[in-house]
Amino acid sequence: MVIGQGHTHRFLTEDEARAILERGLEEIGVRGKRFLFIIPDSTRSGPMPFFFHALTELTLGRAAKVDFLIALGTHLAMDDDKIARHLGITPEERRTRYREVGLYNHNWQAGLTEIGVISADEIEALSGGLMREEVRVQVNRRLFDHDHLIVVGPVFPHEIAGFSGGNKYFFPGVAGPDVINFTHWLGAVITNLKTIGIQDTPVRAVINRAAAMIQVPKACFSFVVSGHADLAGLYFGSPEESQAEAAKLSAQINITYVEKPYHLVISVMPELYDDIWTAGKGMYKMEPVVADGGTVIIYAPHIDEVSYTHGKILDRIGYHVRDYFLAHMDKFADVPRSTMAHATHVKGAGTYIHGVERPRVNVILATRVPKERCERINLGYLDPETLDLEAYKGREEEGILVVPRAGEMLYRLKSEKA
């Protein structure tokens, strides 16, 4: 059973949200238990200070242990100051009031334990015949030091899983490289256009199958955000059920439908995205409404790095359409498939025929990534200092769209609305 509520016309009050948290924890039973809350990093919007304060108030002094694990996937680890800002606590509070609360970054390359293997037969069935291979399932070993695992995270349209949230906080959130690489590449092969904003996808099926191998009780507070931190909905239940309920609301809150495609989209990226690896969402969320031959400009003057984790690999392989990579799998056999997936998602749909690559959309970086590096990785370059955003605003009738806070709201054509 799912506990919670959501609205399209108003936001939840803190009292309403706190009541849902309290009811959810009562369902589990708090006293004497060791809790691990699995939460997003700062690249996801949401009122994390509220959740951190409310959950610790409801558990500290009653639970035997209260820890938080940041579901980084392959993102860069957060330092102590950044974690404190993310959770809305001061260094003094960290040393005193919250001194016994464990705050941990996930490391996708260390501190893992293997919990099983998804067979090739299962993968073939789950992927609809697209893939046939065994997938080792590894997760952060901290999970097994606790009596209950509770995901606390937002649900948005997502380029790999269809919608984020739920068991995605385990895989790839606190997973090892095999599941991360496999699920991302499966999503890339299916393509962003056929995945984003769809709840039931092959990637979601693989994620849920992997999560079933975690033999620790699991629960989930799935929330839906409107804007940066306003709660439109909050649901508690199993990771599968609460995420599915939140996805229904997210489909109404986090998708904007437009009449016709645009030939130019300028995605203004907020500072929660600090490299192209994360700011690529400025393409993912806009690709469905860009006309054939159109342009997406990822405008982020604060970004000067392609990827803090995978930059060297991306410098070598570049950004290309899916079919380019499929034609060169032998050449890129040593490249993590999650990195190739990112590259093809940013480049978008297109063809590769007789050695000629034709992307459907021209993607340009208006960042502090130098021109020569943009050219090396096969993306366009624009000096952000030369881009006058005001000159492009209000020109939707001309086929130009400026998105002031891109990356989370998905844009789709009304003609594709179910």
Protein backbone atom coordinates (compact mmCIF):
# COMPACT_ATOMS: atom_id res chain seq x y z
CA MET A 1 0.00 0.00 0.00
CA VAL A 2 1.23 3.49 -0.88
CA ILE A 3 0.89 6.30 1.66
CA GLY A 4 0.97 9.90 0.47
CA GLN A 5 -0.59 12.57 -1.63
CA GLY A 6 0.12 14.73 -4.65
CA HIS A 7 -1.40 17.74 -6.35
CA THR A 8 -1.15 19.53 -9.68
CA HIS A 9 -2.68 22.76 -8.38
CA ARG A 10 -0.85 23.36 -5.10
CA PHE A 11 2.19 22.32 -3.05
CA LEU A 12 2.34 20.20 0.07
CA THR A 13 2.87 22.07 3.30
CA GLU A 14 5.75 21.04 5.54
CA ASP A 15 3.22 19.70 8.05
CA GLU A 16 1.60 17.52 5.38
CA ALA A 17 4.95 16.22 4.19
CA ARG A 18 6.16 15.57 7.72
CA ALA A 19 2.98 13.62 8.48
CA ILE A 20 3.69 11.33 5.51
CA LEU A 21 7.26 10.80 6.70
CA GLU A 22 6.00 10.02 10.19
CA ARG A 23 3.38 7.56 8.94
CA GLY A 24 5.91 5.81 6.73
CA LEU A 25 8.39 5.37 9.55
CA GLU A 26 5.61 4.13 11.83
CA GLU A 27 4.81 1.46 9.25
CA ILE A 28 8.40 0.23 9.49
CA GLY A 29 8.90 0.70 13.20
CA VAL A 30 11.83 2.84 14.30
CA ARG A 31 12.93 1.79 17.77
CA GLY A 32 16.19 -0.13 17.92
CA LYS A 33 16.65 -0.38 14.13
CA ARG A 34 19.64 0.60 12.03
CA PHE A 35 18.51 2.86 9.18
CA LEU A 36 20.31 3.78 5.98
CA PHE A 37 18.68 6.61 4.04
CA ILE A 38 19.77 6.67 0.40
CA ILE A 39 19.59 10.19 -0.98
CA PRO A 40 20.47 12.12 -4.17
CA ASP A 41 23.49 14.35 -4.61
CA SER A 42 23.24 18.06 -5.32
CA THR A 43 22.60 17.54 -9.06
CA ARG A 44 18.97 16.71 -8.20
CA SER A 45 16.47 19.35 -7.13
CA GLY A 46 14.43 18.96 -4.00
CA PRO A 47 14.06 20.16 -0.42
CA MET A 48 16.80 17.92 0.97
CA PRO A 49 17.37 20.11 4.07
CA PHE A 50 13.71 19.57 5.01
CA PHE A 51 13.97 15.81 4.52
CA PHE A 52 17.24 15.55 6.43
CA HIS A 53 15.99 17.54 9.41
CA ALA A 54 12.60 15.82 9.54
CA LEU A 55 13.97 12.29 9.19
CA THR A 56 16.66 12.79 11.81
CA GLU A 57 14.14 14.35 14.21
CA LEU A 58 11.91 11.30 13.77
CA THR A 59 14.67 8.72 14.22
CA LEU A 60 17.52 10.02 16.38
CA GLY A 61 17.24 8.79 19.95
CA ARG A 62 14.90 5.98 18.90
CA ALA A 63 16.76 4.16 16.16
CA ALA A 64 19.97 2.27 16.94
CA LYS A 65 21.76 3.86 13.98
CA VAL A 66 20.93 6.60 11.44
CA ASP A 67 23.11 6.91 8.35
CA PHE A 68 22.79 8.64 4.97
CA LEU A 69 24.41 7.35 1.78
CA ILE A 70 24.62 9.70 -1.20
CA ALA A 71 23.67 7.83 -4.38
CA LEU A 72 26.35 9.25 -6.65
CA GLY A 73 26.41 6.60 -9.35
CA THR A 74 29.63 7.68 -11.08
CA HIS A 75 29.32 11.36 -10.10
CA LEU A 76 32.09 13.16 -8.27
CA ALA A 77 32.14 12.69 -4.49
CA MET A 78 30.83 15.58 -2.40
CA ASP A 79 33.17 17.11 0.19
CA ASP A 80 32.08 17.83 3.77
CA ASP A 81 31.18 21.47 3.09
CA LYS A 82 29.11 20.59 0.04
CA ILE A 83 27.29 17.84 1.92
CA ALA A 84 26.53 20.25 4.76
CA ARG A 85 25.06 22.81 2.33
CA HIS A 86 23.11 20.06 0.55
CA LEU A 87 21.52 18.96 3.82
CA GLY A 88 21.09 22.43 5.29
CA ILE A 89 23.32 22.03 8.33
CA THR A 90 26.19 24.06 9.69
CA PRO A 91 29.67 22.69 10.47
CA GLU A 92 28.89 23.26 14.15
CA GLU A 93 25.68 21.20 13.89
CA ARG A 94 27.63 18.47 12.12
CA ARG A 95 30.07 18.29 15.05
CA THR A 96 27.39 18.39 17.72
CA ARG A 97 23.75 17.63 17.03
CA TYR A 98 24.46 15.30 14.10
CA ARG A 99 27.81 13.89 15.22
CA GLU A 100 26.46 10.33 15.38
CA VAL A 101 24.79 10.47 11.96
CA GLY A 102 26.88 8.79 9.26
CA LEU A 103 27.14 10.80 6.02
CA TYR A 104 28.75 8.80 3.23
CA ASN A 105 29.52 9.15 -0.47
CA HIS A 106 29.03 6.11 -2.67
CA ASN A 107 32.13 4.94 -4.53
CA TRP A 108 31.28 2.96 -7.66
CA GLN A 109 34.80 1.48 -7.81
CA ALA A 110 35.41 0.42 -4.19
CA GLY A 111 33.63 -0.83 -1.08
CA LEU A 112 31.36 -3.11 -3.12
CA THR A 113 29.94 -6.56 -2.60
CA GLU A 114 28.53 -8.89 -5.27
CA ILE A 115 25.00 -10.11 -4.59
CA GLY A 116 24.26 -12.13 -7.70
CA VAL A 117 24.20 -12.38 -11.47
CA ILE A 118 21.33 -11.69 -13.85
CA SER A 119 21.54 -14.50 -16.39
CA ALA A 120 21.81 -13.97 -20.12
CA ASP A 121 18.37 -15.56 -20.56
CA GLU A 122 16.82 -13.07 -18.12
CA ILE A 123 18.59 -10.13 -19.73
CA GLU A 124 17.31 -11.19 -23.13
CA ALA A 125 13.74 -11.33 -21.80
CA LEU A 126 13.96 -8.09 -19.82
CA SER A 127 15.55 -6.16 -22.69
CA GLY A 128 13.03 -7.33 -25.25
CA GLY A 129 15.72 -9.28 -27.09
CA LEU A 130 18.08 -6.32 -27.52
CA MET A 131 20.82 -7.74 -25.30
CA ARG A 132 21.93 -11.21 -24.29
CA GLU A 133 24.69 -11.28 -21.69
CA GLU A 134 25.23 -11.96 -18.01
CA VAL A 135 25.30 -8.94 -15.72
CA ARG A 136 27.09 -9.05 -12.37
CA VAL A 137 25.21 -7.20 -9.66
CA GLN A 138 27.35 -5.31 -7.13
CA VAL A 139 26.26 -2.77 -4.53
CA ASN A 140 27.78 -0.68 -1.78
CA ARG A 141 28.52 -3.02 1.10
CA ARG A 142 27.22 -0.48 3.63
CA LEU A 143 23.71 -1.60 2.73
CA PHE A 144 24.23 -4.79 4.69
CA ASP A 145 25.21 -3.03 7.92
CA HIS A 146 21.61 -1.87 8.37
CA ASP A 147 18.19 -3.30 9.17
CA HIS A 148 16.24 -1.13 6.75
CA LEU A 149 17.10 0.76 3.58
CA ILE A 150 15.00 3.82 2.77
CA VAL A 151 15.32 5.68 -0.52
CA VAL A 152 14.46 9.39 -0.33
CA GLY A 153 14.54 10.94 -3.77
CA PRO A 154 12.72 12.82 -6.54
CA VAL A 155 11.06 11.36 -9.59
CA PHE A 156 11.67 13.17 -12.89
CA PRO A 157 11.51 12.14 -16.54
CA HIS A 158 14.82 10.39 -17.20
CA GLU A 159 16.77 9.58 -20.36
CA ILE A 160 17.93 6.11 -19.25
CA ALA A 161 15.18 4.70 -17.04
CA GLY A 162 12.18 6.64 -18.42
CA PHE A 163 11.49 8.14 -15.01
CA SER A 164 14.02 8.40 -12.20
CA GLY A 165 13.56 7.42 -8.57
CA GLY A 166 12.77 4.24 -6.71
CA ASN A 167 15.19 1.39 -7.31
CA LYS A 168 17.27 3.64 -9.54
CA TYR A 169 18.80 4.89 -6.28
CA PHE A 170 20.29 1.41 -5.89
CA PHE A 171 21.15 0.90 -9.57
CA PRO A 172 23.08 2.93 -10.62
CA GLY A 173 22.93 5.07 -7.44
CA VAL A 174 24.93 2.82 -5.11
CA ALA A 175 25.96 0.15 -7.61
CA GLY A 176 29.14 -1.24 -9.09
CA PRO A 177 30.30 -0.68 -12.68
CA ASP A 178 28.72 -3.70 -14.40
CA VAL A 179 25.10 -2.73 -13.80
CA ILE A 180 25.87 0.95 -14.39
CA ASN A 181 27.49 0.26 -17.75
CA PHE A 182 24.87 -2.23 -18.88
CA THR A 183 21.77 -0.21 -18.01
CA HIS A 184 23.13 3.00 -19.47
CA TRP A 185 24.10 1.34 -22.73
CA LEU A 186 20.76 -0.44 -22.97
CA GLY A 187 19.05 2.94 -22.60
CA ALA A 188 21.31 4.44 -25.26
CA VAL A 189 20.59 1.64 -27.73
CA ILE A 190 16.86 2.14 -27.21
CA THR A 191 17.52 5.93 -27.48
CA ASN A 192 16.43 8.91 -25.43
CA LEU A 193 13.51 9.72 -27.72
CA LYS A 194 11.95 6.29 -27.12
CA THR A 195 12.65 6.22 -23.38
CA ILE A 196 12.38 9.58 -21.64
CA GLY A 197 9.08 10.18 -19.88
CA ILE A 198 7.93 6.54 -20.20
CA GLN A 199 7.40 4.64 -16.96
CA ASP A 200 7.68 1.00 -18.05
CA THR A 201 10.97 0.56 -19.89
CA PRO A 202 13.42 -2.32 -20.31
CA VAL A 203 15.96 -0.42 -18.20
CA ARG A 204 13.46 -0.06 -15.35
CA ALA A 205 12.78 -3.80 -15.58
CA VAL A 206 16.50 -4.61 -15.25
CA ILE A 207 16.89 -2.16 -12.35
CA ASN A 208 13.96 -3.72 -10.49
CA ARG A 209 15.32 -7.23 -11.09
CA ALA A 210 18.70 -6.25 -9.68
CA ALA A 211 17.09 -4.59 -6.66
CA ALA A 212 15.19 -7.79 -5.88
CA MET A 213 18.58 -9.35 -5.08
CA ILE A 214 19.16 -6.99 -2.15
CA GLN A 215 18.11 -9.08 0.82
CA VAL A 216 17.57 -6.19 3.20
CA PRO A 217 14.10 -4.68 3.77
CA LYS A 218 13.59 -1.68 1.49
CA ALA A 219 11.20 1.25 1.44
CA CYS A 220 11.02 4.53 -0.40
CA PHE A 221 9.85 8.10 0.01
CA SER A 222 9.33 9.22 -3.61
CA PHE A 223 8.69 12.90 -4.13
CA VAL A 224 7.78 15.14 -7.04
CA VAL A 225 9.22 18.64 -7.28
CA SER A 226 7.78 21.66 -9.04
CA GLY A 227 10.43 24.26 -9.69
CA HIS A 228 13.53 23.88 -7.54
CA ALA A 229 12.24 22.77 -4.15
CA ASP A 230 8.44 22.95 -3.96
CA LEU A 231 6.89 19.59 -3.12
CA ALA A 232 3.96 18.73 -5.38
CA GLY A 233 3.75 15.18 -4.05
CA LEU A 234 5.25 12.69 -1.60
CA TYR A 235 4.58 8.96 -1.52
CA PHE A 236 5.78 6.16 0.77
CA GLY A 237 5.80 2.45 0.02
CA SER A 238 8.00 -0.08 -1.67
CA PRO A 239 10.54 1.41 -4.11
CA GLU A 240 8.50 0.02 -7.01
CA GLU A 241 5.07 1.17 -5.84
CA SER A 242 5.96 4.61 -4.49
CA GLN A 243 8.07 5.44 -7.56
CA ALA A 244 5.26 4.40 -9.90
CA GLU A 245 2.77 6.60 -8.04
CA ALA A 246 5.16 9.55 -8.12
CA ALA A 247 5.82 9.00 -11.84
CA LYS A 248 2.11 9.50 -12.56
CA LEU A 249 2.25 12.92 -10.92
CA SER A 250 5.64 13.77 -12.44
CA ALA A 251 4.16 13.12 -15.89
CA GLN A 252 1.69 15.93 -15.17
CA ILE A 253 4.06 18.29 -13.33
CA ASN A 254 7.42 17.80 -15.07
CA ILE A 255 6.42 17.57 -18.75
CA THR A 256 5.63 20.64 -20.84
CA TYR A 257 3.77 20.10 -24.10
CA VAL A 258 4.23 22.46 -27.02
CA GLU A 259 2.42 22.84 -30.33
CA LYS A 260 5.35 22.59 -32.75
CA PRO A 261 9.10 21.95 -32.78
CA TYR A 262 11.71 24.69 -32.47
CA HIS A 263 14.69 25.25 -34.74
CA LEU A 264 16.70 26.80 -31.90
CA VAL A 265 16.59 25.90 -28.22
CA ILE A 266 18.82 27.61 -25.65
CA SER A 267 19.05 25.51 -22.48
CA VAL A 268 20.17 27.73 -19.59
CA MET A 269 21.75 25.33 -17.10
CA PRO A 270 21.58 26.06 -13.36
CA GLU A 271 24.68 25.78 -11.22
CA LEU A 272 23.65 22.45 -9.72
CA TYR A 273 25.18 21.00 -12.93
CA ASP A 274 28.94 21.46 -12.76
CA ASP A 275 30.15 19.62 -15.88
CA ILE A 276 28.80 18.53 -19.27
CA TRP A 277 28.27 15.02 -17.89
CA THR A 278 25.43 16.40 -15.77
CA ALA A 279 24.49 19.45 -17.90
CA GLY A 280 23.85 17.16 -20.86
CA LYS A 281 20.28 17.10 -19.56
CA GLY A 282 19.90 20.41 -21.38
CA MET A 283 19.85 18.28 -24.53
CA TYR A 284 18.06 15.17 -23.24
CA LYS A 285 15.01 17.05 -21.97
CA MET A 286 14.72 19.23 -25.08
CA GLU A 287 15.52 16.78 -27.89
CA PRO A 288 11.87 15.75 -28.45
CA VAL A 289 10.88 19.32 -29.46
CA VAL A 290 13.84 20.23 -31.65
CA ALA A 291 13.11 20.25 -35.37
CA ASP A 292 15.19 18.12 -37.75
CA GLY A 293 18.36 20.07 -38.46
CA GLY A 294 17.74 22.34 -35.48
CA THR A 295 20.17 23.46 -32.79
CA VAL A 296 20.42 23.10 -29.02
CA ILE A 297 22.75 25.49 -27.22
CA ILE A 298 23.76 24.33 -23.74
CA TYR A 299 24.39 27.67 -22.06
CA ALA A 300 26.41 27.29 -18.86
CA PRO A 301 29.15 29.91 -18.41
CA HIS A 302 30.02 28.41 -15.02
CA ILE A 303 31.07 25.05 -16.52
CA ASP A 304 34.67 24.50 -17.61
CA GLU A 305 34.89 20.70 -17.56
CA VAL A 306 33.44 17.98 -19.81
CA SER A 307 33.38 15.39 -17.03
CA TYR A 308 35.29 15.33 -13.78
CA THR A 309 35.11 11.53 -13.75
CA HIS A 310 35.11 10.53 -17.42
CA GLY A 311 36.66 13.53 -19.20
CA LYS A 312 39.79 11.78 -20.48
CA ILE A 313 37.73 9.02 -22.05
CA LEU A 314 35.35 11.49 -23.68
CA ASP A 315 38.31 13.41 -25.07
CA ARG A 316 39.37 10.20 -26.79
CA ILE A 317 36.04 8.90 -28.10
CA GLY A 318 34.14 12.15 -28.66
CA TYR A 319 30.38 12.65 -28.84
CA HIS A 320 28.61 10.69 -31.57
CA VAL A 321 25.23 9.31 -32.55
CA ARG A 322 24.34 5.78 -31.45
CA ASP A 323 24.95 4.15 -34.82
CA TYR A 324 28.50 5.50 -34.94
CA PHE A 325 29.35 3.69 -31.72
CA LEU A 326 27.53 0.52 -32.79
CA ALA A 327 29.66 0.48 -35.93
CA HIS A 328 32.87 0.81 -33.88
CA MET A 329 32.27 -1.43 -30.88
CA ASP A 330 35.54 -3.29 -31.47
CA LYS A 331 37.47 -0.01 -31.52
CA PHE A 332 35.87 1.06 -28.24
CA ALA A 333 35.89 -2.33 -26.52
CA ASP A 334 37.86 -0.91 -23.58
CA VAL A 335 35.50 2.05 -23.08
CA PRO A 336 32.88 1.87 -20.29
CA ARG A 337 29.53 1.64 -22.01
CA SER A 338 28.01 4.17 -19.63
CA THR A 339 30.45 6.74 -21.02
CA MET A 340 29.46 5.91 -24.59
CA ALA A 341 25.82 6.14 -23.53
CA HIS A 342 26.34 9.66 -22.22
CA ALA A 343 28.11 10.64 -25.43
CA THR A 344 25.32 9.40 -27.69
CA HIS A 345 22.58 10.88 -25.51
CA VAL A 346 24.15 14.34 -25.69
CA LYS A 347 24.71 14.04 -29.44
CA GLY A 348 21.15 12.82 -29.92
CA ALA A 349 19.50 10.84 -32.66
CA GLY A 350 21.07 10.54 -36.09
CA THR A 351 22.52 8.18 -38.67
CA TYR A 352 25.90 6.75 -39.58
CA ILE A 353 25.88 5.40 -43.11
CA HIS A 354 28.92 4.58 -45.28
CA GLY A 355 31.21 6.34 -42.81
CA VAL A 356 29.19 9.56 -42.75
CA GLU A 357 27.65 10.71 -39.46
CA ARG A 358 24.54 12.87 -39.65
CA PRO A 359 23.16 13.98 -36.28
CA ARG A 360 19.56 15.13 -36.29
CA VAL A 361 20.36 18.06 -33.97
CA ASN A 362 23.39 20.37 -33.82
CA VAL A 363 24.55 20.57 -30.19
CA ILE A 364 26.63 23.60 -29.21
CA LEU A 365 28.35 24.27 -25.88
CA ALA A 366 28.27 27.87 -24.69
CA THR A 367 30.48 27.19 -21.69
CA ARG A 368 34.05 27.76 -20.57
CA VAL A 369 35.12 24.50 -22.19
CA PRO A 370 37.63 25.79 -24.79
CA LYS A 371 36.82 25.81 -28.50
CA GLU A 372 39.60 23.38 -29.39
CA ARG A 373 38.31 20.87 -26.85
CA CYS A 374 34.73 21.20 -28.12
CA GLU A 375 36.00 20.49 -31.63
CA ARG A 376 38.02 17.52 -30.40
CA ILE A 377 34.96 15.94 -28.78
CA ASN A 378 32.75 16.63 -31.81
CA LEU A 379 30.48 19.29 -30.29
CA GLY A 380 29.92 22.87 -31.41
CA TYR A 381 31.39 25.87 -29.61
CA LEU A 382 30.01 29.31 -28.82
CA ASP A 383 31.67 31.91 -26.61
CA PRO A 384 29.08 32.44 -23.87
CA GLU A 385 30.09 36.09 -23.59
CA THR A 386 28.74 36.68 -27.09
CA LEU A 387 25.31 35.19 -26.41
CA ASP A 388 22.69 37.81 -25.56
CA LEU A 389 19.91 35.74 -23.97
CA GLU A 390 17.53 38.67 -23.82
CA ALA A 391 17.64 38.98 -27.60
CA TYR A 392 16.21 35.47 -27.97
CA LYS A 393 13.49 35.54 -25.33
CA GLY A 394 9.84 35.80 -26.34
CA ARG A 395 10.43 34.53 -29.86
CA GLU A 396 8.62 31.20 -29.66
CA GLU A 397 6.50 32.05 -32.70
CA GLU A 398 9.74 32.32 -34.67
CA GLY A 399 10.77 28.82 -33.58
CA ILE A 400 13.18 29.95 -30.85
CA LEU A 401 12.87 28.80 -27.25
CA VAL A 402 14.92 29.93 -24.24
CA VAL A 403 14.55 27.58 -21.26
CA PRO A 404 15.57 29.54 -18.13
CA ARG A 405 16.24 26.53 -15.87
CA ALA A 406 16.79 23.56 -18.10
CA GLY A 407 17.60 20.00 -17.14
CA GLU A 408 14.57 18.69 -15.25
CA MET A 409 11.45 19.71 -17.16
CA LEU A 410 10.87 17.48 -20.18
CA TYR A 411 9.46 19.11 -23.32
CA ARG A 412 7.32 17.11 -25.72
CA LEU A 413 5.06 17.81 -28.67
CA LYS A 414 1.32 17.86 -28.02
CA SER A 415 0.87 15.60 -31.04
CA GLU A 416 2.72 12.86 -29.11
CA LYS A 417 0.60 13.18 -25.98
CA ALA A 418 -1.02 9.90 -25.03
